[in-house]
PDB file of N, CA and C in Angstrom:
ATOM      1  N   MET A   1     -25.910  28.739  -1.803  1.00  0.00           N
ATOM      2  CA  MET A   1     -24.912  29.703  -1.366  1.00  0.00           C
ATOM      3  C   MET A   1     -24.852  29.655   0.162  1.00  0.00           C
ATOM      4  N   SER A   2     -23.660  29.586   0.707  1.00  0.00           N
ATOM      5  CA  SER A   2     -23.495  29.533   2.158  1.00  0.00           C
ATOM      6  C   SER A   2     -23.734  30.914   2.779  1.00  0.00           C
ATOM      7  N   ASN A   3     -23.956  30.922   4.071  1.00  0.00           N
ATOM      8  CA  ASN A   3     -24.097  32.198   4.785  1.00  0.00           C
ATOM      9  C   ASN A   3     -22.859  33.055   4.578  1.00  0.00           C
ATOM     10  N   PHE A   4     -21.697  32.441   4.674  1.00  0.00           N
ATOM     11  CA  PHE A   4     -20.439  33.155   4.480  1.00  0.00           C
ATOM     12  C   PHE A   4     -20.419  33.830   3.109  1.00  0.00           C
ATOM     13  N   GLU A   5     -20.806  33.099   2.075  1.00  0.00           N
ATOM     14  CA  GLU A   5     -20.826  33.648   0.720  1.00  0.00           C
ATOM     15  C   GLU A   5     -21.868  34.757   0.586  1.00  0.00           C
ATOM     16  N   ARG A   6     -23.033  34.581   1.221  1.00  0.00           N
ATOM     17  CA  ARG A   6     -24.070  35.621   1.182  1.00  0.00           C
ATOM     18  C   ARG A   6     -23.565  36.904   1.818  1.00  0.00           C
ATOM     19  N   LEU A   7     -22.885  36.790   2.952  1.00  0.00           N
ATOM     20  CA  LEU A   7     -22.387  37.981   3.641  1.00  0.00           C
ATOM     21  C   LEU A   7     -21.252  38.630   2.864  1.00  0.00           C
ATOM     22  N   GLN A   8     -20.433  37.835   2.194  1.00  0.00           N
ATOM     23  CA  GLN A   8     -19.394  38.409   1.325  1.00  0.00           C
ATOM     24  C   GLN A   8     -20.042  39.171   0.170  1.00  0.00           C
ATOM     25  N   SER A   9     -21.035  38.565  -0.450  1.00  0.00           N
ATOM     26  CA  SER A   9     -21.716  39.209  -1.582  1.00  0.00           C
ATOM     27  C   SER A   9     -22.382  40.514  -1.175  1.00  0.00           C
ATOM     28  N   ALA A  10     -22.860  40.554   0.068  1.00  0.00           N
ATOM     29  CA  ALA A  10     -23.542  41.754   0.572  1.00  0.00           C
ATOM     30  C   ALA A  10     -22.560  42.804   1.088  1.00  0.00           C
ATOM     31  N   GLY A  11     -21.275  42.500   1.082  1.00  0.00           N
ATOM     32  CA  GLY A  11     -20.269  43.463   1.513  1.00  0.00           C
ATOM     33  C   GLY A  11     -20.005  43.489   3.007  1.00  0.00           C
ATOM     34  N   LEU A  12     -20.497  42.508   3.735  1.00  0.00           N
ATOM     35  CA  LEU A  12     -20.253  42.464   5.175  1.00  0.00           C
ATOM     36  C   LEU A  12     -18.930  41.794   5.525  1.00  0.00           C
ATOM     37  N   ILE A  13     -18.441  40.954   4.653  1.00  0.00           N
ATOM     38  CA  ILE A  13     -17.144  40.308   4.860  1.00  0.00           C
ATOM     39  C   ILE A  13     -16.298  40.629   3.642  1.00  0.00           C
ATOM     40  N   GLU A  14     -15.185  41.275   3.877  1.00  0.00           N
ATOM     41  CA  GLU A  14     -14.297  41.641   2.779  1.00  0.00           C
ATOM     42  C   GLU A  14     -13.181  40.612   2.662  1.00  0.00           C
ATOM     43  N   ALA A  15     -12.705  40.418   1.449  1.00  0.00           N
ATOM     44  CA  ALA A  15     -11.702  39.390   1.165  1.00  0.00           C
ATOM     45  C   ALA A  15     -10.417  39.569   1.967  1.00  0.00           C
ATOM     46  N   GLN A  16     -10.042  40.815   2.268  1.00  0.00           N
ATOM     47  CA  GLN A  16      -8.770  41.031   2.960  1.00  0.00           C
ATOM     48  C   GLN A  16      -8.815  40.610   4.425  1.00  0.00           C
ATOM     49  N   HIS A  17     -10.001  40.353   4.965  1.00  0.00           N
ATOM     50  CA  HIS A  17     -10.113  39.908   6.347  1.00  0.00           C
ATOM     51  C   HIS A  17     -10.065  38.396   6.385  1.00  0.00           C
ATOM     52  N   SER A  18      -9.038  37.887   7.041  1.00  0.00           N
ATOM     53  CA  SER A  18      -8.935  36.437   7.144  1.00  0.00           C
ATOM     54  C   SER A  18      -9.708  35.977   8.376  1.00  0.00           C
ATOM     55  N   LEU A  19     -10.620  35.065   8.152  1.00  0.00           N
ATOM     56  CA  LEU A  19     -11.400  34.498   9.234  1.00  0.00           C
ATOM     57  C   LEU A  19     -10.923  33.074   9.480  1.00  0.00           C
ATOM     58  N   THR A  20     -11.027  32.646  10.714  1.00  0.00           N
ATOM     59  CA  THR A  20     -10.642  31.279  11.041  1.00  0.00           C
ATOM     60  C   THR A  20     -11.728  30.324  10.556  1.00  0.00           C
ATOM     61  N   ASP A  21     -11.378  29.056  10.471  1.00  0.00           N
ATOM     62  CA  ASP A  21     -12.375  28.050  10.101  1.00  0.00           C
ATOM     63  C   ASP A  21     -13.519  28.039  11.108  1.00  0.00           C
ATOM     64  N   ASP A  22     -13.206  28.230  12.392  1.00  0.00           N
ATOM     65  CA  ASP A  22     -14.257  28.273  13.418  1.00  0.00           C
ATOM     66  C   ASP A  22     -15.203  29.444  13.200  1.00  0.00           C
ATOM     67  N   GLU A  23     -14.659  30.604  12.833  1.00  0.00           N
ATOM     68  CA  GLU A  23     -15.510  31.766  12.559  1.00  0.00           C
ATOM     69  C   GLU A  23     -16.409  31.521  11.350  1.00  0.00           C
ATOM     70  N   ILE A  24     -15.845  30.942  10.306  1.00  0.00           N
ATOM     71  CA  ILE A  24     -16.635  30.640   9.106  1.00  0.00           C
ATOM     72  C   ILE A  24     -17.717  29.620   9.433  1.00  0.00           C
ATOM     73  N   ASN A  25     -17.374  28.601  10.215  1.00  0.00           N
ATOM     74  CA  ASN A  25     -18.373  27.604  10.615  1.00  0.00           C
ATOM     75  C   ASN A  25     -19.489  28.249  11.432  1.00  0.00           C
ATOM     76  N   SER A  26     -19.134  29.161  12.326  1.00  0.00           N
ATOM     77  CA  SER A  26     -20.148  29.853  13.133  1.00  0.00           C
ATOM     78  C   SER A  26     -21.071  30.683  12.247  1.00  0.00           C
ATOM     79  N   ILE A  27     -20.500  31.364  11.290  1.00  0.00           N
ATOM     80  CA  ILE A  27     -21.296  32.157  10.348  1.00  0.00           C
ATOM     81  C   ILE A  27     -22.251  31.257   9.583  1.00  0.00           C
ATOM     82  N   ASN A  28     -21.756  30.126   9.144  1.00  0.00           N
ATOM     83  CA  ASN A  28     -22.584  29.215   8.362  1.00  0.00           C
ATOM     84  C   ASN A  28     -23.663  28.528   9.190  1.00  0.00           C
ATOM     85  N   GLN A  29     -23.567  28.613  10.509  1.00  0.00           N
ATOM     86  CA  GLN A  29     -24.592  28.048  11.388  1.00  0.00           C
ATOM     87  C   GLN A  29     -25.694  29.055  11.732  1.00  0.00           C
ATOM     88  N   LEU A  30     -25.538  30.300  11.321  1.00  0.00           N
ATOM     89  CA  LEU A  30     -26.588  31.285  11.542  1.00  0.00           C
ATOM     90  C   LEU A  30     -27.837  30.883  10.764  1.00  0.00           C
ATOM     91  N   SER A  31     -28.979  31.264  11.285  1.00  0.00           N
ATOM     92  CA  SER A  31     -30.222  31.003  10.565  1.00  0.00           C
ATOM     93  C   SER A  31     -30.327  31.969   9.379  1.00  0.00           C
ATOM     94  N   ALA A  32     -31.193  31.600   8.444  1.00  0.00           N
ATOM     95  CA  ALA A  32     -31.434  32.476   7.295  1.00  0.00           C
ATOM     96  C   ALA A  32     -31.954  33.834   7.759  1.00  0.00           C
ATOM     97  N   ALA A  33     -32.794  33.851   8.794  1.00  0.00           N
ATOM     98  CA  ALA A  33     -33.334  35.109   9.327  1.00  0.00           C
ATOM     99  C   ALA A  33     -32.229  35.977   9.924  1.00  0.00           C
ATOM    100  N   GLU A  34     -31.264  35.359  10.591  1.00  0.00           N
ATOM    101  CA  GLU A  34     -30.157  36.134  11.169  1.00  0.00           C
ATOM    102  C   GLU A  34     -29.300  36.752  10.073  1.00  0.00           C
ATOM    103  N   VAL A  35     -29.022  35.992   9.034  1.00  0.00           N
ATOM    104  CA  VAL A  35     -28.225  36.516   7.922  1.00  0.00           C
ATOM    105  C   VAL A  35     -28.989  37.630   7.217  1.00  0.00           C
ATOM    106  N   ASP A  36     -30.282  37.420   7.003  1.00  0.00           N
ATOM    107  CA  ASP A  36     -31.109  38.469   6.382  1.00  0.00           C
ATOM    108  C   ASP A  36     -31.079  39.751   7.209  1.00  0.00           C
ATOM    109  N   ALA A  37     -31.123  39.612   8.540  1.00  0.00           N
ATOM    110  CA  ALA A  37     -31.102  40.783   9.419  1.00  0.00           C
ATOM    111  C   ALA A  37     -29.771  41.526   9.300  1.00  0.00           C
ATOM    112  N   LEU A  38     -28.674  40.800   9.271  1.00  0.00           N
ATOM    113  CA  LEU A  38     -27.361  41.439   9.120  1.00  0.00           C
ATOM    114  C   LEU A  38     -27.279  42.199   7.806  1.00  0.00           C
ATOM    115  N   ILE A  39     -27.750  41.575   6.746  1.00  0.00           N
ATOM    116  CA  ILE A  39     -27.719  42.220   5.428  1.00  0.00           C
ATOM    117  C   ILE A  39     -28.627  43.446   5.417  1.00  0.00           C
ATOM    118  N   SER A  40     -29.784  43.348   6.041  1.00  0.00           N
ATOM    119  CA  SER A  40     -30.713  44.468   6.096  1.00  0.00           C
ATOM    120  C   SER A  40     -30.133  45.656   6.858  1.00  0.00           C
ATOM    121  N   VAL A  41     -29.510  45.377   7.989  1.00  0.00           N
ATOM    122  CA  VAL A  41     -28.892  46.453   8.784  1.00  0.00           C
ATOM    123  C   VAL A  41     -27.806  47.136   7.977  1.00  0.00           C
ATOM    124  N   ARG A  42     -26.973  46.347   7.316  1.00  0.00           N
ATOM    125  CA  ARG A  42     -25.898  46.922   6.493  1.00  0.00           C
ATOM    126  C   ARG A  42     -26.482  47.812   5.390  1.00  0.00           C
ATOM    127  N   ALA A  43     -27.536  47.323   4.737  1.00  0.00           N
ATOM    128  CA  ALA A  43     -28.149  48.088   3.647  1.00  0.00           C
ATOM    129  C   ALA A  43     -28.775  49.381   4.161  1.00  0.00           C
ATOM    130  N   LYS A  44     -29.416  49.320   5.312  1.00  0.00           N
ATOM    131  CA  LYS A  44     -30.096  50.503   5.851  1.00  0.00           C
ATOM    132  C   LYS A  44     -29.119  51.543   6.389  1.00  0.00           C
ATOM    133  N   LEU A  45     -28.036  51.101   7.019  1.00  0.00           N
ATOM    134  CA  LEU A  45     -27.074  52.051   7.576  1.00  0.00           C
ATOM    135  C   LEU A  45     -26.077  52.528   6.536  1.00  0.00           C
ATOM    136  N   GLY A  46     -25.756  51.699   5.577  1.00  0.00           N
ATOM    137  CA  GLY A  46     -24.890  52.088   4.475  1.00  0.00           C
ATOM    138  C   GLY A  46     -23.407  52.002   4.764  1.00  0.00           C
ATOM    139  N   ASP A  47     -22.648  52.022   3.689  1.00  0.00           N
ATOM    140  CA  ASP A  47     -21.193  51.913   3.774  1.00  0.00           C
ATOM    141  C   ASP A  47     -20.573  53.053   4.554  1.00  0.00           C
ATOM    142  N   ASP A  48     -21.068  54.274   4.371  1.00  0.00           N
ATOM    143  CA  ASP A  48     -20.482  55.425   5.060  1.00  0.00           C
ATOM    144  C   ASP A  48     -20.514  55.238   6.575  1.00  0.00           C
ATOM    145  N   PHE A  49     -21.610  54.711   7.085  1.00  0.00           N
ATOM    146  CA  PHE A  49     -21.725  54.480   8.523  1.00  0.00           C
ATOM    147  C   PHE A  49     -20.642  53.521   9.000  1.00  0.00           C
ATOM    148  N   PHE A  50     -20.502  52.389   8.340  1.00  0.00           N
ATOM    149  CA  PHE A  50     -19.537  51.384   8.783  1.00  0.00           C
ATOM    150  C   PHE A  50     -18.102  51.827   8.544  1.00  0.00           C
ATOM    151  N   ASN A  51     -17.849  52.502   7.447  1.00  0.00           N
ATOM    152  CA  ASN A  51     -16.499  52.988   7.181  1.00  0.00           C
ATOM    153  C   ASN A  51     -16.086  54.066   8.177  1.00  0.00           C
ATOM    154  N   ARG A  52     -17.029  54.854   8.638  1.00  0.00           N
ATOM    155  CA  ARG A  52     -16.736  55.928   9.573  1.00  0.00           C
ATOM    156  C   ARG A  52     -16.499  55.376  10.980  1.00  0.00           C
ATOM    157  N   LYS A  53     -17.236  54.358  11.352  1.00  0.00           N
ATOM    158  CA  LYS A  53     -17.190  53.845  12.716  1.00  0.00           C
ATOM    159  C   LYS A  53     -16.104  52.799  12.954  1.00  0.00           C
ATOM    160  N   VAL A  54     -15.651  52.124  11.907  1.00  0.00           N
ATOM    161  CA  VAL A  54     -14.747  51.000  12.079  1.00  0.00           C
ATOM    162  C   VAL A  54     -13.593  51.108  11.095  1.00  0.00           C
ATOM    163  N   LYS A  55     -12.411  50.823  11.574  1.00  0.00           N
ATOM    164  CA  LYS A  55     -11.227  50.828  10.725  1.00  0.00           C
ATOM    165  C   LYS A  55     -10.780  49.397  10.484  1.00  0.00           C
ATOM    166  N   VAL A  56     -10.158  49.150   9.332  1.00  0.00           N
ATOM    167  CA  VAL A  56      -9.614  47.836   9.034  1.00  0.00           C
ATOM    168  C   VAL A  56      -8.662  47.445  10.158  1.00  0.00           C
ATOM    169  N   GLY A  57      -8.827  46.242  10.661  1.00  0.00           N
ATOM    170  CA  GLY A  57      -7.974  45.762  11.732  1.00  0.00           C
ATOM    171  C   GLY A  57      -8.584  45.862  13.111  1.00  0.00           C
ATOM    172  N   ASP A  58      -9.732  46.533  13.251  1.00  0.00           N
ATOM    173  CA  ASP A  58     -10.389  46.583  14.554  1.00  0.00           C
ATOM    174  C   ASP A  58     -10.735  45.170  14.995  1.00  0.00           C
ATOM    175  N   SER A  59     -10.572  44.903  16.277  1.00  0.00           N
ATOM    176  CA  SER A  59     -10.760  43.552  16.767  1.00  0.00           C
ATOM    177  C   SER A  59     -12.197  43.061  16.617  1.00  0.00           C
ATOM    178  N   HIS A  60     -13.171  43.964  16.614  1.00  0.00           N
ATOM    179  CA  HIS A  60     -14.563  43.528  16.524  1.00  0.00           C
ATOM    180  C   HIS A  60     -15.024  43.297  15.090  1.00  0.00           C
ATOM    181  N   ARG A  61     -14.289  43.813  14.121  1.00  0.00           N
ATOM    182  CA  ARG A  61     -14.593  43.638  12.705  1.00  0.00           C
ATOM    183  C   ARG A  61     -16.007  44.063  12.337  1.00  0.00           C
ATOM    184  N   MET A  62     -16.598  44.987  13.047  1.00  0.00           N
ATOM    185  CA  MET A  62     -17.993  45.339  12.785  1.00  0.00           C
ATOM    186  C   MET A  62     -18.210  45.941  11.411  1.00  0.00           C
ATOM    187  N   GLY A  63     -17.210  46.548  10.847  1.00  0.00           N
ATOM    188  CA  GLY A  63     -17.386  47.117   9.518  1.00  0.00           C
ATOM    189  C   GLY A  63     -17.538  46.064   8.458  1.00  0.00           C
ATOM    190  N   THR A  64     -16.961  44.887   8.696  1.00  0.00           N
ATOM    191  CA  THR A  64     -17.027  43.843   7.690  1.00  0.00           C
ATOM    192  C   THR A  64     -17.779  42.627   8.160  1.00  0.00           C
ATOM    193  N   MET A  65     -17.988  42.533   9.423  1.00  0.00           N
ATOM    194  CA  MET A  65     -18.748  41.406   9.940  1.00  0.00           C
ATOM    195  C   MET A  65     -19.419  41.830  11.211  1.00  0.00           C
ATOM    196  N   ALA A  66     -20.672  42.064  11.162  1.00  0.00           N
ATOM    197  CA  ALA A  66     -21.409  42.645  12.264  1.00  0.00           C
ATOM    198  C   ALA A  66     -21.776  41.625  13.313  1.00  0.00           C
ATOM    199  N   LEU A  67     -20.812  40.929  13.802  1.00  0.00           N
ATOM    200  CA  LEU A  67     -21.038  39.959  14.875  1.00  0.00           C
ATOM    201  C   LEU A  67     -20.249  40.322  16.089  1.00  0.00           C
TER     202      LEU A  67
END
């Protein structure tokens, strides 16, 4: 499973957000430890935190991609 797929499965990347090929390649170049950390932060802070702080369409995409 690619990093991109792992982050989608963990709810960090939602299907409605279109990422460029360069963004997907960058995600897939993250180390396993970096991806684990992103997933851990998302799990610990929870959906309510990200939904409250970030709206769909925000330029930083932190609600769906914490990069």
